[in-house]
Amino acid sequence: MDRENSKIFSKTDKQKMLYEAKLEDVEFSAAEADQDDLEALDRSREADKRQLHEILKKE
């Protein structure tokens, strides 16, 4: 990592980067969700954790 251009990001900044990386415009209704939707939601959360880990690792 280049120390001259490095920046320490706050947790909020990291969450914003993760949110912007997703670029989702999908609506989710828990009332209408079926088992496949809930499984997809779990997979999405796990993917978010992995992505955040990659962002933190780059610092």
N, C-alpha and C. Protein backbone atom coordinates (compact mmCIF):
# COMPACT_ATOMS: atom_id res chain seq x y z
N MET A 1 0.85 -1.18 0.00
CA MET A 1 0.00 0.00 0.00
C MET A 1 0.89 1.24 0.00
N ASP A 2 0.51 2.23 -0.76
CA ASP A 2 1.25 3.48 -0.86
C ASP A 2 0.91 4.35 0.34
N ARG A 3 1.86 4.50 1.23
CA ARG A 3 1.62 5.24 2.49
C ARG A 3 1.35 6.73 2.24
N GLU A 4 1.94 7.31 1.19
CA GLU A 4 1.72 8.74 0.94
C GLU A 4 0.28 9.04 0.55
N ASN A 5 -0.36 8.12 -0.14
CA ASN A 5 -1.74 8.34 -0.60
C ASN A 5 -2.76 7.55 0.20
N SER A 6 -2.35 6.95 1.30
CA SER A 6 -3.28 6.14 2.08
C SER A 6 -4.18 7.03 2.92
N LYS A 7 -5.37 6.51 3.16
CA LYS A 7 -6.34 7.23 3.98
C LYS A 7 -6.99 6.22 4.91
N ILE A 8 -7.22 6.61 6.12
CA ILE A 8 -7.92 5.76 7.06
C ILE A 8 -9.40 6.09 6.96
N PHE A 9 -10.18 5.09 6.57
CA PHE A 9 -11.61 5.29 6.38
C PHE A 9 -12.36 4.97 7.66
N SER A 10 -13.38 5.76 7.92
CA SER A 10 -14.26 5.47 9.07
C SER A 10 -15.18 4.31 8.70
N LYS A 11 -15.83 3.77 9.69
CA LYS A 11 -16.78 2.68 9.43
C LYS A 11 -17.89 3.18 8.51
N THR A 12 -18.32 4.41 8.69
CA THR A 12 -19.36 4.98 7.84
C THR A 12 -18.89 5.07 6.40
N ASP A 13 -17.64 5.52 6.20
CA ASP A 13 -17.09 5.59 4.84
C ASP A 13 -17.04 4.21 4.19
N LYS A 14 -16.65 3.22 4.97
CA LYS A 14 -16.58 1.85 4.45
C LYS A 14 -17.96 1.33 4.08
N GLN A 15 -18.96 1.62 4.91
CA GLN A 15 -20.32 1.20 4.61
C GLN A 15 -20.84 1.90 3.35
N LYS A 16 -20.50 3.18 3.18
CA LYS A 16 -20.91 3.91 1.97
C LYS A 16 -20.27 3.30 0.74
N MET A 17 -18.98 2.93 0.83
CA MET A 17 -18.30 2.32 -0.30
C MET A 17 -18.96 0.99 -0.65
N LEU A 18 -19.33 0.22 0.35
CA LEU A 18 -19.99 -1.05 0.12
C LEU A 18 -21.35 -0.83 -0.53
N TYR A 19 -22.09 0.14 -0.02
CA TYR A 19 -23.42 0.43 -0.57
C TYR A 19 -23.30 0.87 -2.03
N GLU A 20 -22.35 1.75 -2.33
CA GLU A 20 -22.18 2.24 -3.69
C GLU A 20 -21.73 1.13 -4.62
N ALA A 21 -20.97 0.18 -4.10
CA ALA A 21 -20.48 -0.92 -4.93
C ALA A 21 -21.62 -1.85 -5.34
N LYS A 22 -22.65 -1.93 -4.52
CA LYS A 22 -23.75 -2.84 -4.81
C LYS A 22 -24.63 -2.33 -5.95
N LEU A 23 -24.88 -1.02 -5.99
CA LEU A 23 -25.69 -0.40 -7.03
C LEU A 23 -27.01 -1.15 -7.28
N GLU A 24 -27.75 -1.38 -6.24
CA GLU A 24 -29.00 -2.11 -6.35
C GLU A 24 -30.18 -1.15 -6.41
N ASP A 25 -31.17 -1.50 -7.23
CA ASP A 25 -32.41 -0.75 -7.24
C ASP A 25 -33.59 -1.72 -7.16
N VAL A 26 -33.42 -2.75 -6.36
CA VAL A 26 -34.42 -3.79 -6.21
C VAL A 26 -35.20 -3.57 -4.92
N GLU A 27 -36.51 -3.69 -5.01
CA GLU A 27 -37.34 -3.58 -3.81
C GLU A 27 -37.54 -4.96 -3.22
N PHE A 28 -37.56 -5.03 -1.90
CA PHE A 28 -37.74 -6.31 -1.20
C PHE A 28 -38.90 -6.19 -0.24
N SER A 29 -39.81 -7.13 -0.32
CA SER A 29 -40.96 -7.17 0.57
C SER A 29 -40.87 -8.44 1.41
N ALA A 30 -40.63 -8.28 2.69
CA ALA A 30 -40.54 -9.45 3.58
C ALA A 30 -41.87 -10.19 3.64
N ALA A 31 -42.97 -9.47 3.50
CA ALA A 31 -44.28 -10.10 3.57
C ALA A 31 -44.53 -11.03 2.37
N GLU A 32 -43.92 -10.73 1.24
CA GLU A 32 -44.13 -11.53 0.04
C GLU A 32 -42.96 -12.46 -0.27
N ALA A 33 -41.96 -12.50 0.59
CA ALA A 33 -40.77 -13.31 0.34
C ALA A 33 -41.05 -14.79 0.53
N ASP A 34 -40.50 -15.59 -0.38
CA ASP A 34 -40.60 -17.04 -0.20
C ASP A 34 -39.24 -17.57 0.27
N GLN A 35 -39.12 -18.87 0.41
CA GLN A 35 -37.88 -19.46 0.92
C GLN A 35 -36.68 -19.12 0.05
N ASP A 36 -36.86 -19.12 -1.28
CA ASP A 36 -35.76 -18.77 -2.18
C ASP A 36 -35.30 -17.33 -1.96
N ASP A 37 -36.25 -16.43 -1.74
CA ASP A 37 -35.91 -15.03 -1.48
C ASP A 37 -35.10 -14.90 -0.19
N LEU A 38 -35.51 -15.61 0.84
CA LEU A 38 -34.81 -15.53 2.12
C LEU A 38 -33.40 -16.11 2.02
N GLU A 39 -33.25 -17.20 1.25
CA GLU A 39 -31.93 -17.77 1.04
C GLU A 39 -31.04 -16.80 0.26
N ALA A 40 -31.62 -16.15 -0.73
CA ALA A 40 -30.87 -15.16 -1.51
C ALA A 40 -30.44 -13.99 -0.64
N LEU A 41 -31.32 -13.59 0.28
CA LEU A 41 -30.99 -12.51 1.20
C LEU A 41 -29.82 -12.90 2.10
N ASP A 42 -29.82 -14.12 2.59
CA ASP A 42 -28.70 -14.62 3.41
C ASP A 42 -27.40 -14.64 2.61
N ARG A 43 -27.47 -15.12 1.37
CA ARG A 43 -26.27 -15.14 0.52
C ARG A 43 -25.77 -13.73 0.26
N SER A 44 -26.69 -12.81 0.08
CA SER A 44 -26.31 -11.41 -0.16
C SER A 44 -25.59 -10.82 1.05
N ARG A 45 -26.11 -11.11 2.24
CA ARG A 45 -25.47 -10.61 3.46
C ARG A 45 -24.06 -11.17 3.62
N GLU A 46 -23.89 -12.46 3.31
CA GLU A 46 -22.57 -13.08 3.40
C GLU A 46 -21.62 -12.46 2.37
N ALA A 47 -22.13 -12.18 1.18
CA ALA A 47 -21.31 -11.55 0.15
C ALA A 47 -20.91 -10.14 0.58
N ASP A 48 -21.82 -9.41 1.22
CA ASP A 48 -21.50 -8.08 1.73
C ASP A 48 -20.36 -8.14 2.75
N LYS A 49 -20.40 -9.15 3.63
CA LYS A 49 -19.34 -9.30 4.63
C LYS A 49 -18.00 -9.56 3.95
N ARG A 50 -18.02 -10.43 2.92
CA ARG A 50 -16.77 -10.71 2.20
C ARG A 50 -16.26 -9.47 1.49
N GLN A 51 -17.16 -8.71 0.87
CA GLN A 51 -16.77 -7.49 0.16
C GLN A 51 -16.19 -6.46 1.13
N LEU A 52 -16.82 -6.28 2.29
CA LEU A 52 -16.31 -5.35 3.28
C LEU A 52 -14.94 -5.80 3.77
N HIS A 53 -14.76 -7.10 3.93
CA HIS A 53 -13.46 -7.63 4.32
C HIS A 53 -12.40 -7.29 3.28
N GLU A 54 -12.74 -7.37 1.99
CA GLU A 54 -11.80 -7.02 0.91
C GLU A 54 -11.46 -5.54 0.95
N ILE A 55 -12.45 -4.69 1.23
CA ILE A 55 -12.22 -3.25 1.31
C ILE A 55 -11.27 -2.97 2.47
N LEU A 56 -11.50 -3.60 3.61
CA LEU A 56 -10.64 -3.38 4.78
C LEU A 56 -9.23 -3.90 4.53
N LYS A 57 -9.12 -5.00 3.81
CA LYS A 57 -7.83 -5.59 3.55
C LYS A 57 -6.97 -4.69 2.64
N LYS A 58 -7.60 -3.91 1.80
CA LYS A 58 -6.88 -3.03 0.87
C LYS A 58 -6.28 -1.83 1.57
N GLU A 59 -6.73 -1.55 2.78
CA GLU A 59 -6.23 -0.37 3.51
C GLU A 59 -4.85 -0.58 4.03
